[in-house]
Amino acid sequence: MRPSRTVAIAALTAALALGSLPGLAGSREPSLDQQPTADAFREVILAATGGRSTTSIVAPDSAYASAGRLAPSSVYAEPGVAAAPADRLAAAIPAVPVAWSWKPPRYKISGTATFYDNGTTAMRLPRGTIIVICAAGGCIDRVVNDYGPQMPSRVVDMYRPDFFAICRCGWWTGTMLVTVSVY
């Protein structure tokens, strides 16, 4: 009983594999583009017309026509060809500088920072305080979400990806010097 069952499973697996690979079973080249001939189309008689001609259908009255509809005799105009009317006022767009700047911080704290996997923490700042942390690799703005670190020499614990984004140091580094601007 077992050998025949094993053979049946193997045959079924082979049949499914051949059926799922279109390259093995079908054509390897795409078919040529061919225009359809007139013989491919034939007249269809709809049951709704009951064999009557569709040319005798009466157009709906003008109450059904929308205000912006296009008639077969409508003329199309290209946009942007005509000049603006002379009585139109020109819009004045003020010149806006490209650069931006931070408002001045309330105060700054300098010291060491380390990483912490649960967000940005600062022992001397309450939750919700907006801070900008600057190091050798750049600056990053964050919101304090927890109370910490407990060592007086550290001013902030940072989320690990944020720490290495502004650290410019190797993965083995545990601390870096930072300046924290408090807003």
C-alpha atoms as a PDB file:
ATOM      1  CA  MET A   1       0.000   0.000   0.000  1.00  0.00           C
ATOM      2  CA  ARG A   2       2.764   2.460   0.873  1.00  0.00           C
ATOM      3  CA  PRO A   3       4.808   2.221  -2.332  1.00  0.00           C
ATOM      4  CA  SER A   4       1.756   2.876  -4.512  1.00  0.00           C
ATOM      5  CA  ARG A   5       0.776   5.845  -2.362  1.00  0.00           C
ATOM      6  CA  THR A   6       4.289   7.261  -2.628  1.00  0.00           C
ATOM      7  CA  VAL A   7       4.245   6.817  -6.392  1.00  0.00           C
ATOM      8  CA  ALA A   8       0.828   8.518  -6.612  1.00  0.00           C
ATOM      9  CA  ILE A   9       2.055  11.494  -4.544  1.00  0.00           C
ATOM     10  CA  ALA A  10       5.178  11.806  -6.702  1.00  0.00           C
ATOM     11  CA  ALA A  11       3.097  11.683  -9.908  1.00  0.00           C
ATOM     12  CA  LEU A  12       0.686  14.304  -8.557  1.00  0.00           C
ATOM     13  CA  THR A  13       3.597  16.551  -7.519  1.00  0.00           C
ATOM     14  CA  ALA A  14       5.165  16.246 -10.967  1.00  0.00           C
ATOM     15  CA  ALA A  15       1.844  17.059 -12.680  1.00  0.00           C
ATOM     16  CA  LEU A  16       1.330  20.130 -10.487  1.00  0.00           C
ATOM     17  CA  ALA A  17       4.895  21.292 -11.120  1.00  0.00           C
ATOM     18  CA  LEU A  18       4.461  21.016 -14.894  1.00  0.00           C
ATOM     19  CA  GLY A  19       1.136  22.832 -14.749  1.00  0.00           C
ATOM     20  CA  SER A  20       2.529  25.695 -12.685  1.00  0.00           C
ATOM     21  CA  LEU A  21       5.496  26.340 -15.002  1.00  0.00           C
ATOM     22  CA  PRO A  22       4.134  28.053 -18.108  1.00  0.00           C
ATOM     23  CA  GLY A  23       7.510  27.974 -19.862  1.00  0.00           C
ATOM     24  CA  LEU A  24       7.556  24.191 -19.927  1.00  0.00           C
ATOM     25  CA  ALA A  25       3.961  23.707 -20.978  1.00  0.00           C
ATOM     26  CA  GLY A  26       3.313  26.712 -23.246  1.00  0.00           C
ATOM     27  CA  SER A  27       4.919  28.732 -25.973  1.00  0.00           C
ATOM     28  CA  ARG A  28       8.297  30.334 -25.345  1.00  0.00           C
ATOM     29  CA  GLU A  29       7.777  33.219 -27.783  1.00  0.00           C
ATOM     30  CA  PRO A  30       5.072  35.897 -27.616  1.00  0.00           C
ATOM     31  CA  SER A  31       2.402  35.760 -30.272  1.00  0.00           C
ATOM     32  CA  LEU A  32       2.496  38.301 -33.094  1.00  0.00           C
ATOM     33  CA  ASP A  33       0.252  41.367 -33.005  1.00  0.00           C
ATOM     34  CA  GLN A  34      -2.601  40.896 -35.433  1.00  0.00           C
ATOM     35  CA  GLN A  35      -5.347  43.314 -36.368  1.00  0.00           C
ATOM     36  CA  PRO A  36      -8.851  41.878 -35.903  1.00  0.00           C
ATOM     37  CA  THR A  37     -10.749  41.258 -39.110  1.00  0.00           C
ATOM     38  CA  ALA A  38     -14.299  42.351 -39.804  1.00  0.00           C
ATOM     39  CA  ASP A  39     -15.395  38.711 -39.649  1.00  0.00           C
ATOM     40  CA  ALA A  40     -14.640  38.688 -35.922  1.00  0.00           C
ATOM     41  CA  PHE A  41     -17.534  41.076 -35.253  1.00  0.00           C
ATOM     42  CA  ARG A  42     -21.180  40.320 -35.717  1.00  0.00           C
ATOM     43  CA  GLU A  43     -24.411  42.154 -35.085  1.00  0.00           C
ATOM     44  CA  VAL A  44     -25.988  41.599 -31.690  1.00  0.00           C
ATOM     45  CA  ILE A  45     -29.700  41.924 -31.206  1.00  0.00           C
ATOM     46  CA  LEU A  46     -30.567  43.093 -27.715  1.00  0.00           C
ATOM     47  CA  ALA A  47     -33.643  41.721 -26.037  1.00  0.00           C
ATOM     48  CA  ALA A  48     -34.548  45.213 -24.790  1.00  0.00           C
ATOM     49  CA  THR A  49     -35.016  46.536 -28.304  1.00  0.00           C
ATOM     50  CA  GLY A  50     -37.210  43.608 -29.303  1.00  0.00           C
ATOM     51  CA  GLY A  51     -35.808  43.535 -32.810  1.00  0.00           C
ATOM     52  CA  ARG A  52     -36.539  47.242 -33.420  1.00  0.00           C
ATOM     53  CA  SER A  53     -34.050  49.576 -34.989  1.00  0.00           C
ATOM     54  CA  THR A  54     -32.050  51.738 -32.561  1.00  0.00           C
ATOM     55  CA  THR A  55     -32.010  54.730 -34.896  1.00  0.00           C
ATOM     56  CA  SER A  56     -35.538  55.702 -33.917  1.00  0.00           C
ATOM     57  CA  ILE A  57     -34.645  56.437 -30.274  1.00  0.00           C
ATOM     58  CA  VAL A  58     -35.876  59.883 -29.280  1.00  0.00           C
ATOM     59  CA  ALA A  59     -33.442  62.175 -27.446  1.00  0.00           C
ATOM     60  CA  PRO A  60     -34.488  63.168 -23.919  1.00  0.00           C
ATOM     61  CA  ASP A  61     -35.981  66.592 -23.471  1.00  0.00           C
ATOM     62  CA  SER A  62     -33.746  69.573 -22.625  1.00  0.00           C
ATOM     63  CA  ALA A  63     -34.531  69.320 -18.880  1.00  0.00           C
ATOM     64  CA  TYR A  64     -32.175  66.324 -18.672  1.00  0.00           C
ATOM     65  CA  ALA A  65     -29.221  68.178 -20.207  1.00  0.00           C
ATOM     66  CA  SER A  66     -26.624  69.569 -17.789  1.00  0.00           C
ATOM     67  CA  ALA A  67     -25.406  73.151 -17.935  1.00  0.00           C
ATOM     68  CA  GLY A  68     -21.836  72.223 -18.879  1.00  0.00           C
ATOM     69  CA  ARG A  69     -22.495  69.392 -21.339  1.00  0.00           C
ATOM     70  CA  LEU A  70     -20.735  69.218 -24.671  1.00  0.00           C
ATOM     71  CA  ALA A  71     -22.766  68.971 -27.830  1.00  0.00           C
ATOM     72  CA  PRO A  72     -21.396  67.319 -30.987  1.00  0.00           C
ATOM     73  CA  SER A  73     -21.064  70.779 -32.510  1.00  0.00           C
ATOM     74  CA  SER A  74     -19.046  72.233 -29.561  1.00  0.00           C
ATOM     75  CA  VAL A  75     -15.817  74.080 -30.395  1.00  0.00           C
ATOM     76  CA  TYR A  76     -12.722  73.367 -28.318  1.00  0.00           C
ATOM     77  CA  ALA A  77     -10.187  76.078 -27.424  1.00  0.00           C
ATOM     78  CA  GLU A  78      -6.587  75.472 -26.412  1.00  0.00           C
ATOM     79  CA  PRO A  79      -5.816  76.706 -22.867  1.00  0.00           C
ATOM     80  CA  GLY A  80      -3.143  79.325 -22.352  1.00  0.00           C
ATOM     81  CA  VAL A  81      -3.293  80.832 -25.855  1.00  0.00           C
ATOM     82  CA  ALA A  82      -5.346  83.920 -25.070  1.00  0.00           C
ATOM     83  CA  ALA A  83      -3.787  86.774 -23.082  1.00  0.00           C
ATOM     84  CA  ALA A  84      -5.108  87.754 -19.671  1.00  0.00           C
ATOM     85  CA  PRO A  85      -7.628  90.610 -19.637  1.00  0.00           C
ATOM     86  CA  ALA A  86      -6.067  94.058 -19.184  1.00  0.00           C
ATOM     87  CA  ASP A  87      -8.295  94.960 -16.234  1.00  0.00           C
ATOM     88  CA  ARG A  88      -7.068  92.005 -14.129  1.00  0.00           C
ATOM     89  CA  LEU A  89      -4.716  92.909 -11.260  1.00  0.00           C
ATOM     90  CA  ALA A  90      -1.334  91.218 -11.152  1.00  0.00           C
ATOM     91  CA  ALA A  91      -0.684  89.113  -8.074  1.00  0.00           C
ATOM     92  CA  ALA A  92       2.269  90.221  -5.977  1.00  0.00           C
ATOM     93  CA  ILE A  93       4.168  87.298  -4.473  1.00  0.00           C
ATOM     94  CA  PRO A  94       6.510  88.296  -1.652  1.00  0.00           C
ATOM     95  CA  ALA A  95      10.096  87.092  -1.739  1.00  0.00           C
ATOM     96  CA  VAL A  96      10.636  84.436   0.916  1.00  0.00           C
ATOM     97  CA  PRO A  97      14.148  83.535   2.050  1.00  0.00           C
ATOM     98  CA  VAL A  98      15.163  79.937   1.512  1.00  0.00           C
ATOM     99  CA  ALA A  99      16.868  79.465   4.887  1.00  0.00           C
ATOM    100  CA  TRP A 100      15.233  79.047   8.280  1.00  0.00           C
ATOM    101  CA  SER A 101      16.523  79.272  11.821  1.00  0.00           C
ATOM    102  CA  TRP A 102      15.654  78.060  15.279  1.00  0.00           C
ATOM    103  CA  LYS A 103      14.400  80.458  17.880  1.00  0.00           C
ATOM    104  CA  PRO A 104      16.961  81.031  20.619  1.00  0.00           C
ATOM    105  CA  PRO A 105      16.961  78.308  23.295  1.00  0.00           C
ATOM    106  CA  ARG A 106      16.073  79.039  26.901  1.00  0.00           C
ATOM    107  CA  TYR A 107      19.419  77.539  27.983  1.00  0.00           C
ATOM    108  CA  LYS A 108      22.013  74.951  26.979  1.00  0.00           C
ATOM    109  CA  ILE A 109      23.476  71.966  28.808  1.00  0.00           C
ATOM    110  CA  SER A 110      26.763  70.292  27.832  1.00  0.00           C
ATOM    111  CA  GLY A 111      27.956  66.878  28.924  1.00  0.00           C
ATOM    112  CA  THR A 112      27.978  63.251  27.911  1.00  0.00           C
ATOM    113  CA  ALA A 113      25.201  61.226  26.378  1.00  0.00           C
ATOM    114  CA  THR A 114      24.612  57.529  25.979  1.00  0.00           C
ATOM    115  CA  PHE A 115      21.952  55.447  24.263  1.00  0.00           C
ATOM    116  CA  TYR A 116      18.758  54.085  25.794  1.00  0.00           C
ATOM    117  CA  ASP A 117      16.392  51.799  23.902  1.00  0.00           C
ATOM    118  CA  ASN A 118      13.158  53.312  25.207  1.00  0.00           C
ATOM    119  CA  GLY A 119      13.383  56.870  23.896  1.00  0.00           C
ATOM    120  CA  THR A 120      14.997  60.155  24.880  1.00  0.00           C
ATOM    121  CA  THR A 121      15.413  60.833  28.590  1.00  0.00           C
ATOM    122  CA  ALA A 122      16.875  63.733  30.547  1.00  0.00           C
ATOM    123  CA  MET A 123      17.252  63.845  34.316  1.00  0.00           C
ATOM    124  CA  ARG A 124      17.012  67.618  34.627  1.00  0.00           C
ATOM    125  CA  LEU A 125      14.088  68.130  32.234  1.00  0.00           C
ATOM    126  CA  PRO A 126      10.397  67.212  32.532  1.00  0.00           C
ATOM    127  CA  ARG A 127       8.570  65.047  30.005  1.00  0.00           C
ATOM    128  CA  GLY A 128       7.367  66.858  26.908  1.00  0.00           C
ATOM    129  CA  THR A 129      10.296  69.320  26.789  1.00  0.00           C
ATOM    130  CA  ILE A 130      11.537  69.974  23.250  1.00  0.00           C
ATOM    131  CA  ILE A 131      15.315  69.690  22.977  1.00  0.00           C
ATOM    132  CA  VAL A 132      17.931  69.824  20.213  1.00  0.00           C
ATOM    133  CA  ILE A 133      20.907  67.522  20.766  1.00  0.00           C
ATOM    134  CA  CYS A 134      24.090  68.431  18.863  1.00  0.00           C
ATOM    135  CA  ALA A 135      27.238  66.313  18.564  1.00  0.00           C
ATOM    136  CA  ALA A 136      30.110  65.842  16.102  1.00  0.00           C
ATOM    137  CA  GLY A 137      27.819  64.276  13.481  1.00  0.00           C
ATOM    138  CA  GLY A 138      25.069  66.903  13.517  1.00  0.00           C
ATOM    139  CA  CYS A 139      21.962  67.894  15.424  1.00  0.00           C
ATOM    140  CA  ILE A 140      18.648  66.200  16.049  1.00  0.00           C
ATOM    141  CA  ASP A 141      15.491  67.572  17.667  1.00  0.00           C
ATOM    142  CA  ARG A 142      13.503  65.381  20.042  1.00  0.00           C
ATOM    143  CA  VAL A 143      10.914  65.504  22.820  1.00  0.00           C
ATOM    144  CA  VAL A 144      11.864  64.197  26.273  1.00  0.00           C
ATOM    145  CA  ASN A 145       9.637  61.211  27.016  1.00  0.00           C
ATOM    146  CA  ASP A 146      11.018  59.886  30.315  1.00  0.00           C
ATOM    147  CA  TYR A 147      12.940  60.872  33.435  1.00  0.00           C
ATOM    148  CA  GLY A 148      16.568  59.697  33.512  1.00  0.00           C
ATOM    149  CA  PRO A 149      19.702  59.234  33.418  1.00  0.00           C
ATOM    150  CA  GLN A 150      20.699  58.750  37.031  1.00  0.00           C
ATOM    151  CA  MET A 151      24.413  59.575  36.663  1.00  0.00           C
ATOM    152  CA  PRO A 152      25.219  63.272  37.250  1.00  0.00           C
ATOM    153  CA  SER A 153      27.878  63.302  34.502  1.00  0.00           C
ATOM    154  CA  ARG A 154      25.353  62.370  31.793  1.00  0.00           C
ATOM    155  CA  VAL A 155      22.894  64.987  30.582  1.00  0.00           C
ATOM    156  CA  VAL A 156      20.777  62.878  28.226  1.00  0.00           C
ATOM    157  CA  ASP A 157      20.093  59.282  27.232  1.00  0.00           C
ATOM    158  CA  MET A 158      19.140  58.981  23.573  1.00  0.00           C
ATOM    159  CA  TYR A 159      17.229  56.473  21.496  1.00  0.00           C
ATOM    160  CA  ARG A 160      19.867  54.139  19.990  1.00  0.00           C
ATOM    161  CA  PRO A 161      19.319  55.059  16.278  1.00  0.00           C
ATOM    162  CA  ASP A 162      19.387  58.773  17.174  1.00  0.00           C
ATOM    163  CA  PHE A 163      22.607  58.300  19.155  1.00  0.00           C
ATOM    164  CA  PHE A 164      24.482  56.731  16.247  1.00  0.00           C
ATOM    165  CA  ALA A 165      22.953  59.169  13.729  1.00  0.00           C
ATOM    166  CA  ILE A 166      24.733  62.145  15.331  1.00  0.00           C
ATOM    167  CA  CYS A 167      27.676  60.344  16.981  1.00  0.00           C
ATOM    168  CA  ARG A 168      30.053  59.827  14.031  1.00  0.00           C
ATOM    169  CA  CYS A 169      31.539  56.983  15.974  1.00  0.00           C
ATOM    170  CA  GLY A 170      31.753  53.191  15.849  1.00  0.00           C
ATOM    171  CA  TRP A 171      29.185  50.729  17.115  1.00  0.00           C
ATOM    172  CA  TRP A 172      31.370  49.976  20.153  1.00  0.00           C
ATOM    173  CA  THR A 173      31.090  53.543  21.471  1.00  0.00           C
ATOM    174  CA  GLY A 174      28.944  53.974  24.553  1.00  0.00           C
ATOM    175  CA  THR A 175      29.141  57.726  25.249  1.00  0.00           C
ATOM    176  CA  MET A 176      29.742  60.976  23.377  1.00  0.00           C
ATOM    177  CA  LEU A 177      29.978  64.677  24.162  1.00  0.00           C
ATOM    178  CA  VAL A 178      26.811  66.619  23.354  1.00  0.00           C
ATOM    179  CA  THR A 179      25.271  70.032  23.744  1.00  0.00           C
ATOM    180  CA  VAL A 180      21.551  70.032  24.549  1.00  0.00           C
ATOM    181  CA  SER A 181      19.551  73.156  23.685  1.00  0.00           C
ATOM    182  CA  VAL A 182      16.342  73.396  25.707  1.00  0.00           C
ATOM    183  CA  TYR A 183      13.320  75.087  24.098  1.00  0.00           C
END
